[in-house]
Amino acid sequence: MRKFILILIIGVATQFVFVSKGAGFGESVSGMEEKINLLKDQNQQLEIEIASLTSCSKISGETSEAIFSLSPKGSSDFSVALKR
């Protein structure tokens, strides 16, 4: 009878250890999922910011090209007016 109780206690203790490790693993998975979602949100915000900066620099470059294509060749009056 003592052997049975000892084996039962060891079995319960072993189950307790495995259950507590499983709960800890579940918490760490949940934390990782929250971190992944946070990083996805940050990534999306950065993509939007990069897109807006890229489009602004593209528009600026196109504007500069348009202005300089309007200037008459051989005349420096237009470029002097732009510098003022």
Protein backbone atom coordinates (compact mmCIF):
# COMPACT_ATOMS: atom_id res chain seq x y z
CA MET A 1 0.00 0.00 0.00
CA ARG A 2 2.87 2.39 0.75
CA LYS A 3 4.35 1.75 -2.69
CA PHE A 4 1.02 2.60 -4.29
CA ILE A 5 0.74 5.89 -2.37
CA LEU A 6 4.38 6.76 -3.18
CA ILE A 7 3.84 6.05 -6.89
CA LEU A 8 0.61 8.07 -6.81
CA ILE A 9 2.37 11.04 -5.18
CA ILE A 10 5.23 10.88 -7.71
CA GLY A 11 2.69 10.70 -10.55
CA VAL A 12 0.75 13.70 -9.28
CA ALA A 13 3.96 15.68 -8.75
CA THR A 14 5.12 14.84 -12.28
CA GLN A 15 1.78 15.92 -13.73
CA PHE A 16 1.95 19.16 -11.75
CA VAL A 17 5.41 19.92 -13.15
CA PHE A 18 4.30 19.30 -16.74
CA VAL A 19 1.10 21.31 -16.34
CA SER A 20 2.96 24.28 -14.88
CA LYS A 21 5.48 24.19 -17.76
CA GLY A 22 2.60 24.06 -20.23
CA ALA A 23 0.95 27.07 -18.63
CA GLY A 24 4.23 28.97 -18.74
CA PHE A 25 4.66 28.04 -22.38
CA GLY A 26 1.12 29.22 -23.14
CA GLU A 27 1.83 32.57 -21.50
CA SER A 28 5.03 33.00 -23.48
CA VAL A 29 3.22 32.16 -26.74
CA SER A 30 0.53 34.70 -25.90
CA GLY A 31 3.18 37.33 -25.18
CA MET A 32 4.94 36.57 -28.44
CA GLU A 33 1.67 36.90 -30.37
CA GLU A 34 1.07 40.32 -28.79
CA LYS A 35 4.60 41.40 -29.71
CA ILE A 36 4.12 40.16 -33.29
CA ASN A 37 0.89 42.17 -33.61
CA LEU A 38 2.60 45.26 -32.22
CA LEU A 39 5.49 44.89 -34.66
CA LYS A 40 3.07 44.40 -37.56
CA ASP A 41 1.32 47.65 -36.62
CA GLN A 42 4.66 49.48 -36.40
CA ASN A 43 5.70 48.03 -39.74
CA GLN A 44 2.50 49.23 -41.39
CA GLN A 45 3.00 52.74 -39.96
CA LEU A 46 6.58 52.80 -41.26
CA GLU A 47 5.46 51.63 -44.71
CA ILE A 48 2.93 54.47 -44.85
CA GLU A 49 5.56 56.98 -43.74
CA ILE A 50 8.07 55.71 -46.31
CA ALA A 51 5.44 55.86 -49.04
CA SER A 52 4.56 59.45 -48.18
CA LEU A 53 8.22 60.50 -48.07
CA THR A 54 8.92 58.76 -51.36
CA SER A 55 5.95 60.39 -53.04
CA CYS A 56 6.92 63.82 -51.67
CA SER A 57 10.48 63.52 -52.97
CA LYS A 58 9.16 62.22 -56.31
CA ILE A 59 6.77 65.16 -56.61
CA SER A 60 9.56 67.55 -55.65
CA GLY A 61 11.86 66.06 -58.27
CA GLU A 62 9.19 66.22 -60.95
CA THR A 63 8.47 69.84 -60.04
CA SER A 64 12.14 70.74 -60.30
CA GLU A 65 12.38 69.02 -63.68
CA ALA A 66 9.29 70.86 -64.91
CA ILE A 67 10.64 74.23 -63.78
CA PHE A 68 14.02 73.70 -65.39
CA SER A 69 12.48 72.41 -68.60
CA LEU A 70 10.57 75.71 -68.85
CA SER A 71 13.72 77.80 -68.70
CA PRO A 72 14.86 79.04 -72.12
CA LYS A 73 18.22 77.71 -73.24
CA GLY A 74 20.96 80.29 -73.27
CA SER A 75 19.12 82.69 -70.97
CA SER A 76 20.19 82.97 -67.36
CA ASP A 77 17.46 85.44 -66.36
CA PHE A 78 15.05 82.64 -65.44
CA SER A 79 17.51 80.84 -63.18
CA VAL A 80 18.45 84.10 -61.46
CA ALA A 81 14.77 84.77 -60.79
CA LEU A 82 14.44 81.33 -59.21
CA LYS A 83 17.39 81.97 -56.89
CA ARG A 84 15.76 85.09 -55.46
